[in-house]
Amino acid sequence: MLAQREQIKEFLLMHKKISTWEAIQKFRITRLGAHIYELRRRGMNIAAERKRNPKTGTWFVEYYIVG
């Protein structure tokens, strides 16, 4: 099984974006921001966008690969 950070990296490379909720549902990862920080530090160009769920009104972050 891949380490969490590698799972996130592969998912981003394949799907180009991941949200905090997707990380929890798909990989049971609750500290997505920490993994994104480390991937950025290792050279991945990842941006973040804060979004609002139209049904619940709650805020979440979606990370995506730039370029």
C-alpha atoms as a PDB file:
ATOM      1  CA  MET A   1       0.000   0.000   0.000  1.00  0.00           C
ATOM      2  CA  LEU A   2       1.235   3.458  -0.866  1.00  0.00           C
ATOM      3  CA  ALA A   3       2.022   6.017   1.783  1.00  0.00           C
ATOM      4  CA  GLN A   4      -0.645   8.692   2.161  1.00  0.00           C
ATOM      5  CA  ARG A   5       1.469  11.357   0.506  1.00  0.00           C
ATOM      6  CA  GLU A   6       2.087   9.140  -2.516  1.00  0.00           C
ATOM      7  CA  GLN A   7      -1.651   8.368  -2.759  1.00  0.00           C
ATOM      8  CA  ILE A   8      -2.401  12.086  -2.845  1.00  0.00           C
ATOM      9  CA  LYS A   9       0.335  12.742  -5.407  1.00  0.00           C
ATOM     10  CA  GLU A  10      -0.944  10.006  -7.729  1.00  0.00           C
ATOM     11  CA  PHE A  11      -4.546  11.186  -7.337  1.00  0.00           C
ATOM     12  CA  LEU A  12      -3.553  14.771  -8.177  1.00  0.00           C
ATOM     13  CA  LEU A  13      -1.561  13.671 -11.214  1.00  0.00           C
ATOM     14  CA  MET A  14      -4.492  11.643 -12.481  1.00  0.00           C
ATOM     15  CA  HIS A  15      -7.458  13.884 -11.575  1.00  0.00           C
ATOM     16  CA  LYS A  16      -5.719  17.299 -11.330  1.00  0.00           C
ATOM     17  CA  LYS A  17      -7.552  18.271  -8.115  1.00  0.00           C
ATOM     18  CA  ILE A  18      -8.537  16.984  -4.683  1.00  0.00           C
ATOM     19  CA  SER A  19     -10.664  18.425  -1.900  1.00  0.00           C
ATOM     20  CA  THR A  20     -10.381  17.867   1.813  1.00  0.00           C
ATOM     21  CA  TRP A  21     -13.612  15.868   1.735  1.00  0.00           C
ATOM     22  CA  GLU A  22     -12.394  13.650  -1.117  1.00  0.00           C
ATOM     23  CA  ALA A  23      -9.207  12.894   0.811  1.00  0.00           C
ATOM     24  CA  ILE A  24     -11.247  11.819   3.828  1.00  0.00           C
ATOM     25  CA  GLN A  25     -13.657   9.689   1.794  1.00  0.00           C
ATOM     26  CA  LYS A  26     -11.190   8.027  -0.582  1.00  0.00           C
ATOM     27  CA  PHE A  27      -8.083   7.670   1.571  1.00  0.00           C
ATOM     28  CA  ARG A  28      -9.203   8.381   5.153  1.00  0.00           C
ATOM     29  CA  ILE A  29      -6.698  11.247   5.236  1.00  0.00           C
ATOM     30  CA  THR A  30      -7.650  14.063   7.581  1.00  0.00           C
ATOM     31  CA  ARG A  31      -4.433  16.125   7.385  1.00  0.00           C
ATOM     32  CA  LEU A  32      -4.473  16.862   3.673  1.00  0.00           C
ATOM     33  CA  GLY A  33      -2.971  20.326   4.135  1.00  0.00           C
ATOM     34  CA  ALA A  34       0.163  18.876   5.753  1.00  0.00           C
ATOM     35  CA  HIS A  35       0.663  16.477   2.860  1.00  0.00           C
ATOM     36  CA  ILE A  36       0.083  19.251   0.303  1.00  0.00           C
ATOM     37  CA  TYR A  37       2.659  21.387   2.114  1.00  0.00           C
ATOM     38  CA  GLU A  38       5.231  18.608   1.836  1.00  0.00           C
ATOM     39  CA  LEU A  39       4.432  17.957  -1.847  1.00  0.00           C
ATOM     40  CA  ARG A  40       4.902  21.664  -2.545  1.00  0.00           C
ATOM     41  CA  ARG A  41       8.188  21.591  -0.668  1.00  0.00           C
ATOM     42  CA  ARG A  42       9.279  18.703  -2.914  1.00  0.00           C
ATOM     43  CA  GLY A  43       8.570  20.742  -6.040  1.00  0.00           C
ATOM     44  CA  MET A  44       4.936  20.142  -7.031  1.00  0.00           C
ATOM     45  CA  ASN A  45       3.149  23.300  -8.150  1.00  0.00           C
ATOM     46  CA  ILE A  46      -0.121  23.048  -6.199  1.00  0.00           C
ATOM     47  CA  ALA A  47      -2.575  25.889  -5.635  1.00  0.00           C
ATOM     48  CA  ALA A  48      -5.578  26.035  -3.331  1.00  0.00           C
ATOM     49  CA  GLU A  49      -9.049  27.461  -3.673  1.00  0.00           C
ATOM     50  CA  ARG A  50     -11.500  27.914  -0.844  1.00  0.00           C
ATOM     51  CA  LYS A  51     -15.008  26.879  -1.866  1.00  0.00           C
ATOM     52  CA  ARG A  52     -18.444  26.756  -0.312  1.00  0.00           C
ATOM     53  CA  ASN A  53     -20.741  23.753  -0.486  1.00  0.00           C
ATOM     54  CA  PRO A  54     -23.977  25.073  -2.028  1.00  0.00           C
ATOM     55  CA  LYS A  55     -26.143  22.569  -0.141  1.00  0.00           C
ATOM     56  CA  THR A  56     -24.697  22.845   3.353  1.00  0.00           C
ATOM     57  CA  GLY A  57     -23.000  26.231   3.258  1.00  0.00           C
ATOM     58  CA  THR A  58     -19.825  24.786   4.776  1.00  0.00           C
ATOM     59  CA  TRP A  59     -16.405  25.831   3.505  1.00  0.00           C
ATOM     60  CA  PHE A  60     -13.736  23.490   2.213  1.00  0.00           C
ATOM     61  CA  VAL A  61     -10.442  23.708   0.342  1.00  0.00           C
ATOM     62  CA  GLU A  62      -9.778  22.229  -3.074  1.00  0.00           C
ATOM     63  CA  TYR A  63      -6.153  21.749  -4.113  1.00  0.00           C
ATOM     64  CA  TYR A  64      -5.172  21.543  -7.763  1.00  0.00           C
ATOM     65  CA  ILE A  65      -2.085  21.240  -9.928  1.00  0.00           C
ATOM     66  CA  VAL A  66      -1.094  24.457 -11.680  1.00  0.00           C
ATOM     67  CA  GLY A  67       0.056  24.240 -15.267  1.00  0.00           C
END
